[in-house]
Amino acid sequence: MPANFNSVQLMGRLCFDPSEKPLEEGKKLVGFRMAINHKYKQKEEWKQTTCYVDVKAWDNLAETCKNLGKGSLVFLEGYLKNREYVEDGKKKKILEVTARQVKF
């Protein structure tokens, strides 16, 4: 068994149309946010929570994903990735999914 395992499978709907990011020649990147609902029963009442996940798709997969739209139902397999960036002079961290496969 491997010492580490980083894999996720998610099914949900896109919160908005995917956005293309301009990159160096030959590279493609598309980002989108998924809403994933979780239903559970608390006492005798059904409740629902929603988790929002940021997803990145690269190159050929990005080309395919850019044609998705808000509300599209997708199933994806990918891995978790930490990313850091600076916004308004403050260092921020984000956990996102890098997609390996997207089915719709």
N, C-alpha and C. Protein backbone atom coordinates (compact mmCIF):
# COMPACT_ATOMS: atom_id res chain seq x y z
N MET A 1 0.84 -1.18 0.00
CA MET A 1 0.00 0.00 0.00
C MET A 1 0.89 1.25 0.00
N PRO A 2 0.55 2.24 -0.82
CA PRO A 2 1.38 3.44 -0.87
C PRO A 2 1.32 4.22 0.44
N ALA A 3 2.39 4.94 0.72
CA ALA A 3 2.45 5.74 1.94
C ALA A 3 1.50 6.93 1.88
N ASN A 4 1.24 7.43 0.67
CA ASN A 4 0.35 8.58 0.48
C ASN A 4 -0.62 8.27 -0.65
N PHE A 5 -1.81 8.82 -0.54
CA PHE A 5 -2.81 8.61 -1.59
C PHE A 5 -3.63 9.88 -1.71
N ASN A 6 -3.63 10.51 -2.86
CA ASN A 6 -4.33 11.77 -3.06
C ASN A 6 -5.24 11.61 -4.26
N SER A 7 -6.49 11.29 -4.02
CA SER A 7 -7.46 11.11 -5.09
C SER A 7 -8.84 11.48 -4.59
N VAL A 8 -9.61 12.19 -5.44
CA VAL A 8 -10.98 12.55 -5.09
C VAL A 8 -11.90 12.23 -6.26
N GLN A 9 -13.13 11.90 -5.93
CA GLN A 9 -14.19 11.73 -6.92
C GLN A 9 -15.36 12.56 -6.44
N LEU A 10 -15.87 13.41 -7.32
CA LEU A 10 -16.94 14.32 -6.95
C LEU A 10 -18.00 14.36 -8.04
N MET A 11 -19.25 14.53 -7.62
CA MET A 11 -20.32 14.75 -8.57
C MET A 11 -21.14 15.93 -8.07
N GLY A 12 -21.37 16.88 -8.96
CA GLY A 12 -22.13 18.06 -8.59
C GLY A 12 -22.43 18.91 -9.81
N ARG A 13 -22.90 20.11 -9.56
CA ARG A 13 -23.28 21.03 -10.64
C ARG A 13 -22.39 22.26 -10.62
N LEU A 14 -22.11 22.78 -11.81
CA LEU A 14 -21.30 23.98 -11.93
C LEU A 14 -22.08 25.19 -11.42
N CYS A 15 -21.40 26.03 -10.64
CA CYS A 15 -22.02 27.23 -10.07
C CYS A 15 -22.08 28.37 -11.09
N PHE A 16 -21.18 28.35 -12.05
CA PHE A 16 -21.13 29.37 -13.10
C PHE A 16 -20.38 28.79 -14.30
N ASP A 17 -20.43 29.48 -15.41
CA ASP A 17 -19.71 29.03 -16.60
C ASP A 17 -18.22 28.96 -16.30
N PRO A 18 -17.52 27.95 -16.85
CA PRO A 18 -16.07 27.86 -16.66
C PRO A 18 -15.36 29.10 -17.22
N SER A 19 -14.25 29.46 -16.59
CA SER A 19 -13.48 30.61 -17.06
C SER A 19 -12.12 30.13 -17.57
N GLU A 20 -11.74 30.65 -18.73
CA GLU A 20 -10.44 30.34 -19.31
C GLU A 20 -9.41 31.33 -18.79
N LYS A 21 -8.22 30.82 -18.49
CA LYS A 21 -7.12 31.67 -18.02
C LYS A 21 -6.07 31.74 -19.13
N PRO A 22 -5.66 32.94 -19.49
CA PRO A 22 -4.60 33.05 -20.50
C PRO A 22 -3.26 32.60 -19.93
N LEU A 23 -2.58 31.72 -20.65
CA LEU A 23 -1.30 31.19 -20.21
C LEU A 23 -0.29 31.26 -21.34
N GLU A 24 0.92 30.82 -21.05
CA GLU A 24 1.95 30.78 -22.08
C GLU A 24 1.48 29.92 -23.25
N GLU A 25 2.07 30.15 -24.39
CA GLU A 25 1.67 29.47 -25.62
C GLU A 25 1.67 27.95 -25.45
N GLY A 26 0.58 27.33 -25.89
CA GLY A 26 0.48 25.87 -25.84
C GLY A 26 -0.18 25.32 -24.59
N LYS A 27 -0.32 26.12 -23.53
CA LYS A 27 -0.95 25.66 -22.29
C LYS A 27 -2.36 26.21 -22.20
N LYS A 28 -3.28 25.39 -21.69
CA LYS A 28 -4.66 25.82 -21.50
C LYS A 28 -5.08 25.51 -20.07
N LEU A 29 -5.84 26.42 -19.49
CA LEU A 29 -6.35 26.25 -18.12
C LEU A 29 -7.77 26.78 -18.06
N VAL A 30 -8.65 25.95 -17.51
CA VAL A 30 -10.04 26.34 -17.28
C VAL A 30 -10.35 26.09 -15.81
N GLY A 31 -11.01 27.05 -15.18
CA GLY A 31 -11.41 26.91 -13.79
C GLY A 31 -12.92 27.00 -13.65
N PHE A 32 -13.45 26.26 -12.69
CA PHE A 32 -14.88 26.34 -12.39
C PHE A 32 -15.12 25.93 -10.95
N ARG A 33 -16.28 26.28 -10.45
CA ARG A 33 -16.67 25.91 -9.09
C ARG A 33 -17.85 24.95 -9.17
N MET A 34 -17.78 23.90 -8.36
CA MET A 34 -18.86 22.91 -8.28
C MET A 34 -19.59 23.05 -6.96
N ALA A 35 -20.90 22.85 -7.01
CA ALA A 35 -21.72 22.76 -5.80
C ALA A 35 -22.07 21.29 -5.62
N ILE A 36 -21.74 20.74 -4.45
CA ILE A 36 -21.97 19.33 -4.17
C ILE A 36 -22.89 19.25 -2.97
N ASN A 37 -24.06 18.69 -3.18
CA ASN A 37 -25.05 18.59 -2.11
C ASN A 37 -24.88 17.30 -1.31
N HIS A 38 -25.14 17.41 -0.03
CA HIS A 38 -25.09 16.25 0.86
C HIS A 38 -26.38 16.24 1.68
N LYS A 39 -27.16 15.18 1.52
CA LYS A 39 -28.41 15.06 2.27
C LYS A 39 -28.19 14.09 3.42
N TYR A 40 -28.77 14.43 4.56
CA TYR A 40 -28.66 13.58 5.73
C TYR A 40 -29.92 13.73 6.58
N LYS A 41 -30.14 12.73 7.42
CA LYS A 41 -31.31 12.75 8.29
C LYS A 41 -30.87 13.07 9.70
N GLN A 42 -31.51 14.09 10.29
CA GLN A 42 -31.25 14.48 11.66
C GLN A 42 -32.54 14.31 12.43
N LYS A 43 -32.53 13.39 13.36
CA LYS A 43 -33.74 12.97 14.06
C LYS A 43 -34.72 12.44 13.00
N GLU A 44 -35.84 13.08 12.79
CA GLU A 44 -36.81 12.61 11.79
C GLU A 44 -36.88 13.54 10.58
N GLU A 45 -35.98 14.50 10.51
CA GLU A 45 -36.04 15.50 9.45
C GLU A 45 -34.84 15.38 8.50
N TRP A 46 -35.11 15.46 7.20
CA TRP A 46 -34.04 15.45 6.20
C TRP A 46 -33.48 16.86 6.05
N LYS A 47 -32.15 16.95 6.03
CA LYS A 47 -31.47 18.23 5.87
C LYS A 47 -30.48 18.11 4.72
N GLN A 48 -30.02 19.29 4.25
CA GLN A 48 -29.07 19.30 3.15
C GLN A 48 -28.02 20.37 3.39
N THR A 49 -26.78 20.03 3.12
CA THR A 49 -25.70 21.01 3.14
C THR A 49 -25.07 21.02 1.75
N THR A 50 -24.45 22.11 1.42
CA THR A 50 -23.79 22.23 0.12
C THR A 50 -22.33 22.61 0.33
N CYS A 51 -21.46 21.90 -0.35
CA CYS A 51 -20.03 22.16 -0.32
C CYS A 51 -19.63 22.73 -1.69
N TYR A 52 -18.85 23.80 -1.68
CA TYR A 52 -18.40 24.42 -2.93
C TYR A 52 -16.92 24.13 -3.12
N VAL A 53 -16.58 23.62 -4.30
CA VAL A 53 -15.22 23.18 -4.57
C VAL A 53 -14.71 23.85 -5.85
N ASP A 54 -13.53 24.46 -5.78
CA ASP A 54 -12.89 25.04 -6.95
C ASP A 54 -12.11 23.95 -7.68
N VAL A 55 -12.24 23.93 -9.01
CA VAL A 55 -11.63 22.88 -9.85
C VAL A 55 -10.83 23.55 -10.96
N LYS A 56 -9.67 22.96 -11.27
CA LYS A 56 -8.85 23.38 -12.40
C LYS A 56 -8.71 22.21 -13.36
N ALA A 57 -8.81 22.49 -14.66
CA ALA A 57 -8.60 21.49 -15.71
C ALA A 57 -7.56 22.05 -16.67
N TRP A 58 -6.62 21.22 -17.07
CA TRP A 58 -5.50 21.66 -17.90
C TRP A 58 -5.56 21.05 -19.30
N ASP A 59 -5.01 21.77 -20.26
CA ASP A 59 -4.72 21.34 -21.62
C ASP A 59 -5.93 20.73 -22.33
N ASN A 60 -5.85 19.46 -22.77
CA ASN A 60 -6.96 18.86 -23.53
C ASN A 60 -8.25 18.81 -22.71
N LEU A 61 -8.12 18.52 -21.42
CA LEU A 61 -9.30 18.47 -20.56
C LEU A 61 -9.91 19.87 -20.41
N ALA A 62 -9.07 20.89 -20.37
CA ALA A 62 -9.55 22.27 -20.31
C ALA A 62 -10.36 22.61 -21.56
N GLU A 63 -9.89 22.16 -22.69
CA GLU A 63 -10.58 22.41 -23.96
C GLU A 63 -11.99 21.81 -23.93
N THR A 64 -12.12 20.62 -23.36
CA THR A 64 -13.42 19.96 -23.24
C THR A 64 -14.31 20.69 -22.22
N CYS A 65 -13.75 21.05 -21.08
CA CYS A 65 -14.53 21.65 -19.99
C CYS A 65 -15.01 23.06 -20.29
N LYS A 66 -14.33 23.78 -21.18
CA LYS A 66 -14.74 25.16 -21.44
C LYS A 66 -16.12 25.23 -22.09
N ASN A 67 -16.60 24.09 -22.61
CA ASN A 67 -17.92 24.05 -23.24
C ASN A 67 -19.05 23.75 -22.25
N LEU A 68 -18.70 23.48 -20.99
CA LEU A 68 -19.73 23.27 -19.96
C LEU A 68 -20.36 24.61 -19.61
N GLY A 69 -21.50 24.57 -18.94
CA GLY A 69 -22.16 25.80 -18.54
C GLY A 69 -22.70 25.71 -17.13
N LYS A 70 -23.10 26.85 -16.62
CA LYS A 70 -23.70 26.93 -15.29
C LYS A 70 -24.82 25.90 -15.18
N GLY A 71 -24.81 25.12 -14.09
CA GLY A 71 -25.84 24.12 -13.86
C GLY A 71 -25.53 22.75 -14.44
N SER A 72 -24.46 22.64 -15.25
CA SER A 72 -24.10 21.33 -15.82
C SER A 72 -23.77 20.34 -14.71
N LEU A 73 -24.29 19.13 -14.85
CA LEU A 73 -23.98 18.06 -13.91
C LEU A 73 -22.71 17.36 -14.38
N VAL A 74 -21.69 17.28 -13.53
CA VAL A 74 -20.44 16.64 -13.89
C VAL A 74 -19.99 15.67 -12.80
N PHE A 75 -19.27 14.65 -13.25
CA PHE A 75 -18.58 13.72 -12.36
C PHE A 75 -17.11 13.87 -12.67
N LEU A 76 -16.29 14.06 -11.65
CA LEU A 76 -14.86 14.20 -11.93
C LEU A 76 -14.02 13.36 -10.99
N GLU A 77 -12.84 13.04 -11.49
CA GLU A 77 -11.82 12.37 -10.71
C GLU A 77 -10.59 13.23 -10.81
N GLY A 78 -9.93 13.45 -9.67
CA GLY A 78 -8.75 14.29 -9.67
C GLY A 78 -8.00 14.17 -8.36
N TYR A 79 -7.22 15.21 -8.05
CA TYR A 79 -6.45 15.20 -6.81
C TYR A 79 -6.46 16.59 -6.18
N LEU A 80 -6.22 16.63 -4.87
CA LEU A 80 -6.20 17.88 -4.12
C LEU A 80 -4.85 18.57 -4.28
N LYS A 81 -4.90 19.90 -4.36
CA LYS A 81 -3.67 20.67 -4.50
C LYS A 81 -3.79 21.98 -3.72
N ASN A 82 -2.77 22.28 -2.91
CA ASN A 82 -2.70 23.56 -2.21
C ASN A 82 -2.06 24.59 -3.14
N ARG A 83 -2.57 25.80 -3.08
CA ARG A 83 -2.00 26.89 -3.87
C ARG A 83 -1.95 28.14 -3.02
N GLU A 84 -0.88 28.91 -3.16
CA GLU A 84 -0.73 30.17 -2.44
C GLU A 84 -0.68 31.31 -3.44
N TYR A 85 -1.23 32.47 -3.03
CA TYR A 85 -1.18 33.66 -3.86
C TYR A 85 -1.27 34.89 -2.96
N VAL A 86 -0.98 36.04 -3.53
CA VAL A 86 -1.04 37.30 -2.77
C VAL A 86 -2.17 38.14 -3.33
N GLU A 87 -3.04 38.62 -2.42
CA GLU A 87 -4.15 39.48 -2.80
C GLU A 87 -4.19 40.66 -1.85
N ASP A 88 -4.16 41.86 -2.39
CA ASP A 88 -4.15 43.09 -1.58
C ASP A 88 -3.03 43.07 -0.54
N GLY A 89 -1.88 42.53 -0.94
CA GLY A 89 -0.72 42.50 -0.05
C GLY A 89 -0.76 41.41 1.00
N LYS A 90 -1.80 40.58 0.99
CA LYS A 90 -1.93 39.52 1.98
C LYS A 90 -1.75 38.16 1.32
N LYS A 91 -1.01 37.29 1.99
CA LYS A 91 -0.78 35.94 1.49
C LYS A 91 -2.01 35.08 1.77
N LYS A 92 -2.51 34.43 0.75
CA LYS A 92 -3.69 33.58 0.90
C LYS A 92 -3.36 32.16 0.45
N LYS A 93 -4.10 31.20 1.01
CA LYS A 93 -3.95 29.79 0.64
C LYS A 93 -5.31 29.26 0.22
N ILE A 94 -5.28 28.36 -0.74
CA ILE A 94 -6.52 27.75 -1.21
C ILE A 94 -6.27 26.27 -1.47
N LEU A 95 -7.26 25.45 -1.18
CA LEU A 95 -7.22 24.03 -1.49
C LEU A 95 -8.19 23.82 -2.64
N GLU A 96 -7.71 23.27 -3.75
CA GLU A 96 -8.56 23.07 -4.92
C GLU A 96 -8.33 21.68 -5.49
N VAL A 97 -9.17 21.31 -6.44
CA VAL A 97 -9.05 20.02 -7.10
C VAL A 97 -8.48 20.24 -8.50
N THR A 98 -7.48 19.47 -8.86
CA THR A 98 -6.99 19.43 -10.23
C THR A 98 -7.62 18.19 -10.86
N ALA A 99 -8.39 18.41 -11.92
CA ALA A 99 -9.14 17.32 -12.54
C ALA A 99 -8.24 16.46 -13.43
N ARG A 100 -8.44 15.15 -13.37
CA ARG A 100 -7.80 14.22 -14.30
C ARG A 100 -8.80 13.75 -15.36
N GLN A 101 -10.05 13.58 -14.93
CA GLN A 101 -11.14 13.16 -15.81
C GLN A 101 -12.39 13.92 -15.43
N VAL A 102 -13.16 14.32 -16.44
CA VAL A 102 -14.46 14.95 -16.19
C VAL A 102 -15.46 14.32 -17.13
N LYS A 103 -16.55 13.83 -16.57
CA LYS A 103 -17.63 13.21 -17.37
C LYS A 103 -18.90 14.01 -17.16
N PHE A 104 -19.63 14.19 -18.24
CA PHE A 104 -20.88 14.94 -18.17
C PHE A 104 -21.88 14.38 -19.14
